[in-house]
Protein backbone atom coordinates (compact mmCIF):
# COMPACT_ATOMS: atom_id res chain seq x y z
CA MET A 1 0.12 -0.20 -0.05
CA PRO A 2 1.83 3.38 -1.31
CA VAL A 3 2.53 5.92 1.63
CA ALA A 4 1.56 9.12 1.52
CA SER A 5 4.26 11.83 1.32
CA PRO A 6 4.01 13.76 4.23
CA SER A 7 3.04 17.69 3.14
CA LYS A 8 5.78 20.49 2.96
CA PRO A 9 5.78 22.78 5.99
CA LYS A 10 4.27 26.22 5.14
CA SER A 11 7.31 29.01 4.93
CA LYS A 12 8.10 30.67 7.93
CA VAL A 13 8.12 33.96 5.95
CA ALA A 14 5.00 33.29 3.92
CA ALA A 15 2.78 32.81 7.28
CA ASN A 16 4.44 35.70 9.28
CA LYS A 17 3.63 37.82 6.02
CA PRO A 18 1.38 40.97 6.93
CA ALA A 19 -1.90 40.90 4.64
CA ALA A 20 -2.06 43.70 2.12
CA LYS A 21 -3.58 46.88 3.15
CA PRO A 22 -6.20 47.82 0.94
CA ALA A 23 -6.09 50.75 -1.30
CA ALA A 24 -7.10 53.94 0.43
CA ARG A 25 -10.13 55.18 -0.78
CA ALA A 26 -10.26 59.17 -1.87
CA LYS A 27 -12.27 61.19 0.31
CA ALA A 28 -15.53 62.00 -1.44
CA PRO A 29 -15.67 65.85 -2.03
CA PRO A 30 -17.97 67.89 0.26
CA THR A 31 -21.65 67.38 -0.57
CA ALA A 32 -22.67 70.99 0.35
CA SER A 33 -21.46 74.78 -0.62
CA LEU A 34 -22.21 77.94 1.01
CA THR A 35 -21.99 81.21 -0.77
CA LEU A 36 -20.28 84.27 0.77
CA SER A 37 -19.14 87.42 0.56
CA SER A 38 -16.59 89.65 1.80
CA LYS A 39 -15.44 87.93 4.96
CA ASN A 40 -14.08 91.69 5.71
CA TYR A 41 -17.35 92.84 5.72
CA SER A 42 -20.20 90.47 5.52
CA SER A 43 -21.39 89.80 8.98
CA TRP A 44 -24.23 87.59 7.82
CA SER A 45 -21.64 85.27 5.91
CA LEU A 46 -19.40 85.07 8.93
CA ARG A 47 -22.66 83.96 10.61
CA GLY A 48 -23.97 81.24 7.84
CA TRP A 49 -20.27 79.88 8.48
CA LEU A 50 -19.83 79.74 12.07
CA MET A 51 -23.25 77.70 12.21
CA ALA A 52 -22.30 75.22 9.37
CA ARG A 53 -18.73 74.59 11.28
CA PHE A 54 -20.50 74.53 14.61
CA ALA A 55 -22.80 71.53 12.78
CA GLY A 56 -19.62 70.25 11.64
CA LEU A 57 -20.90 70.24 7.88
CA GLU A 58 -18.46 70.14 5.44
CA PHE A 59 -18.61 72.43 2.71
CA THR A 60 -16.77 74.25 0.04
CA GLU A 61 -17.01 77.91 -0.25
CA VAL A 62 -18.32 80.00 -3.46
CA MET A 63 -17.11 83.32 -2.91
CA VAL A 64 -19.21 86.62 -4.60
CA SER A 65 -16.87 89.16 -5.49
CA PRO A 66 -17.82 92.77 -3.78
CA ASP A 67 -17.64 94.07 -6.98
CA ASP A 68 -21.02 92.29 -7.86
CA ALA A 69 -23.75 94.46 -7.63
CA ASP A 70 -25.91 92.24 -5.95
CA ALA A 71 -23.27 91.74 -2.94
CA ARG A 72 -22.60 95.30 -2.62
CA LYS A 73 -26.35 96.20 -1.93
CA GLU A 74 -26.30 93.27 0.35
CA LEU A 75 -23.12 94.81 2.51
CA LEU A 76 -24.47 98.51 2.28
CA LEU A 77 -27.96 97.23 3.68
CA LEU A 78 -29.24 98.53 0.73
CA ALA A 79 -30.79 95.60 -0.54
CA PRO A 80 -34.54 94.06 0.55
CA SER A 81 -33.58 90.99 1.52
CA ILE A 82 -30.03 89.18 2.61
CA ARG A 83 -29.44 86.51 0.33
CA VAL A 84 -26.12 85.79 1.56
CA PRO A 85 -25.15 83.55 2.69
CA CYS A 86 -26.48 80.64 1.09
CA LEU A 87 -26.06 77.16 1.71
CA THR A 88 -26.81 74.49 -0.54
CA HIS A 89 -27.03 71.00 0.76
CA ASP A 90 -28.52 67.51 -0.64
CA GLY A 91 -31.01 69.21 -2.96
CA ALA A 92 -31.87 72.07 -0.93
CA LYS A 93 -31.36 75.84 -0.86
CA VAL A 94 -31.48 77.80 2.10
CA TRP A 95 -30.13 81.74 2.29
CA ASN A 96 -31.49 83.10 5.56
CA THR A 97 -28.92 82.65 8.42
CA LEU A 98 -32.17 81.52 10.99
CA ALA A 99 -33.23 79.17 8.25
CA ILE A 100 -29.94 78.10 7.79
CA ALA A 101 -29.37 76.99 11.71
CA GLN A 102 -32.93 75.78 11.66
CA TYR A 103 -31.63 73.47 8.54
CA LEU A 104 -28.48 72.45 10.29
CA ASN A 105 -30.21 71.39 13.54
CA GLU A 106 -32.77 69.04 11.72
CA ILE A 107 -29.88 67.28 9.85
CA LYS A 108 -27.12 67.36 12.77
CA PRO A 109 -29.51 67.21 15.81
CA ASP A 110 -26.55 66.23 18.20
CA ALA A 111 -24.35 68.99 17.12
CA GLY A 112 -25.93 71.35 19.63
CA LEU A 113 -26.46 73.92 17.96
CA MET A 114 -30.14 75.00 19.85
CA PRO A 115 -30.43 73.88 23.64
CA ALA A 116 -31.79 70.65 24.73
CA ASP A 117 -34.26 72.22 27.12
CA ARG A 118 -37.15 73.45 25.69
CA ILE A 119 -37.31 76.32 27.35
CA ALA A 120 -33.44 77.52 26.99
CA ARG A 121 -34.49 76.90 23.05
CA ALA A 122 -37.47 79.05 22.85
CA HIS A 123 -34.94 81.69 24.80
CA CYS A 124 -32.14 80.66 21.55
CA ARG A 125 -34.82 81.16 19.20
CA SER A 126 -35.99 84.52 20.53
CA VAL A 127 -32.49 86.58 20.86
CA SER A 128 -31.66 84.93 17.66
CA GLY A 129 -34.70 86.12 15.60
CA GLU A 130 -34.28 89.68 17.54
CA MET A 131 -30.73 89.73 16.00
CA ASN A 132 -31.46 88.82 12.75
CA SER A 133 -34.46 91.24 11.80
CA GLY A 134 -33.61 94.40 14.63
CA PHE A 135 -30.82 96.77 15.90
CA ALA A 136 -30.79 98.80 12.32
CA ASN A 137 -28.86 101.57 13.92
CA LEU A 138 -26.30 99.64 15.11
CA ARG A 139 -25.92 97.63 11.94
CA ALA A 140 -25.95 101.23 10.20
CA SER A 141 -23.25 103.40 12.57
CA LEU A 142 -20.59 100.31 13.09
CA PRO A 143 -20.52 98.36 9.95
CA MET A 144 -18.42 95.51 10.38
CA ASN A 145 -15.12 95.75 9.65
CA LEU A 146 -12.32 93.23 10.78
CA LYS A 147 -9.41 95.10 9.20
CA GLY A 148 -9.97 98.38 11.17
CA ARG A 149 -9.56 100.04 14.64
CA PHE A 150 -11.01 103.34 15.73
CA PRO A 151 -10.12 103.83 19.36
CA GLY A 152 -11.93 106.31 21.13
CA HIS A 153 -15.01 106.30 19.08
CA LYS A 154 -18.01 108.11 19.18
CA VAL A 155 -21.23 106.15 18.70
CA TRP A 156 -24.19 107.71 17.60
CA ALA A 157 -26.76 108.46 19.64
CA GLY A 158 -29.43 106.10 17.38
CA ALA A 159 -27.13 102.85 18.30
CA GLN A 160 -26.62 103.22 21.82
CA PRO A 161 -30.02 101.97 22.63
CA ASP A 162 -29.65 99.09 20.35
CA ILE A 163 -25.96 98.41 22.22
CA ASP A 164 -27.96 98.34 25.47
CA ARG A 165 -30.07 96.20 24.07
CA ILE A 166 -27.62 93.67 23.07
CA VAL A 167 -25.66 93.85 26.68
CA GLU A 168 -28.93 93.27 28.58
CA ILE A 169 -29.03 89.68 26.17
CA TRP A 170 -25.98 88.94 26.77
CA THR A 171 -26.00 89.93 31.04
CA GLU A 172 -29.23 87.44 30.87
CA CYS A 173 -27.60 84.59 28.94
CA LEU A 174 -24.66 84.49 30.69
CA ALA A 175 -26.11 84.60 34.19
CA THR A 176 -29.23 82.39 33.52
CA TYR A 177 -27.00 79.16 31.75
CA GLY A 178 -23.44 79.93 33.12
CA GLY A 179 -21.64 80.56 30.33
CA PRO A 180 -19.24 80.95 28.93
CA TYR A 181 -21.31 81.37 25.70
CA LEU A 182 -24.90 82.44 25.58
CA PHE A 183 -26.49 79.13 26.27
CA GLY A 184 -24.34 77.69 28.56
CA LYS A 185 -21.05 75.21 27.99
CA GLN A 186 -22.05 74.31 24.37
CA ARG A 187 -21.73 77.25 21.43
CA GLY A 188 -24.43 76.75 19.10
CA MET A 189 -26.57 79.51 17.07
CA ALA A 190 -26.95 82.33 19.30
CA ASP A 191 -23.46 82.73 19.63
CA ALA A 192 -22.72 82.60 15.71
CA MET A 193 -25.73 85.09 15.47
CA PHE A 194 -24.08 87.64 17.83
CA ALA A 195 -20.16 86.86 16.44
CA PRO A 196 -20.04 89.98 14.18
CA VAL A 197 -21.21 92.10 16.83
CA VAL A 198 -18.41 90.67 19.21
CA THR A 199 -16.08 92.14 16.32
CA ARG A 200 -18.17 95.55 16.19
CA PHE A 201 -17.77 96.33 19.55
CA LEU A 202 -13.96 95.69 19.29
CA THR A 203 -13.43 97.52 15.81
CA TYR A 204 -15.23 100.63 17.61
CA ASP A 205 -14.08 100.33 21.04
CA VAL A 206 -17.29 100.09 22.43
CA LYS A 207 -17.51 99.89 26.46
CA LEU A 208 -18.71 97.25 27.84
CA THR A 209 -19.29 95.50 31.43
CA LYS A 210 -16.87 93.03 32.59
CA PRO A 211 -19.43 90.21 32.04
CA CYS A 212 -19.71 91.24 28.32
CA ILE A 213 -16.16 92.22 27.80
CA LEU A 214 -15.66 88.15 28.67
CA TYR A 215 -18.09 86.77 26.31
CA CYS A 216 -16.50 89.13 23.57
CA GLN A 217 -12.79 87.12 24.39
CA THR A 218 -14.26 84.02 24.73
CA ILE A 219 -15.89 84.42 20.86
CA MET A 220 -12.39 85.73 20.05
CA ALA A 221 -11.01 82.95 21.15
CA MET A 222 -12.54 80.46 19.03
CA PRO A 223 -10.59 78.96 16.69
CA GLU A 224 -13.42 79.35 13.84
CA MET A 225 -13.02 83.34 14.42
CA LYS A 226 -9.51 83.24 14.19
CA GLU A 227 -9.27 81.34 10.83
CA TRP A 228 -12.39 83.64 9.27
CA ILE A 229 -10.32 86.77 10.73
CA ALA A 230 -6.82 85.90 8.86
CA ALA A 231 -8.73 84.99 5.73
CA ALA A 232 -10.20 88.54 6.32
CA LYS A 233 -7.32 90.48 6.52
CA LEU A 234 -5.85 88.92 3.54
CA GLU A 235 -8.35 90.04 1.11
CA PRO A 236 -7.31 92.65 -1.23
CA ASP A 237 -10.71 94.40 -1.96
CA ASP A 238 -11.60 97.11 0.00
CA ILE A 239 -15.08 98.78 -0.20
CA GLU A 240 -14.28 102.96 -0.04
CA GLU A 241 -17.81 103.25 1.32
CA LEU A 242 -17.63 100.64 4.29
CA ASP A 243 -14.34 101.96 5.05
CA MET A 244 -14.51 104.68 7.89
CA ASP A 245 -12.13 107.20 8.78
CA PHE A 246 -12.28 109.19 12.12
């Protein structure tokens, strides 16, 4: 009866050879885009951009030139409606900052753009809506200008009530929710809405209470704000109508 020959032992080198790693897949481009105007002057663009970043949404930036007639009207507060920023995502097109916030809260519910508590969420919506539609005198007399610094600037009397109301909102929110952001430890929609106001207060040397000063420092220390401001300072174009000289 024939005897089966013993099988050859497997090579130790072959046995210990690590499996080949699968080829890395190319990262898919973002499915969202955000249309923005000037980073130096456009407070609305900053609000929408911060909301998208807070939500963790990947997006590409589509910049509209300040030379564009419609963009200039919006920056100079002459447009009947503000349509920048505009978020395009998965077939949806959203162009109002409050609408963008609501949309992002729907698709990224765990991002914490709005407080989890019902009463706090109602408060957040209210102060954000007030910022979205009010404070016209503040906008007109203290336009956003991240490159500008005007120490000792004399605030137009018509803008002071707007400043006082914003200080009231910040003070109440910080005291109620404990800071360092307006609704507690989580930055969110309200902070994005008021971030351009923080820059205005610093640009025009507006005198504030200590809690409000600390809040401004908190907002300016955010990495997103530092990134935005660095990009704003690189913008070559100036809009003479918004460059104030005092």
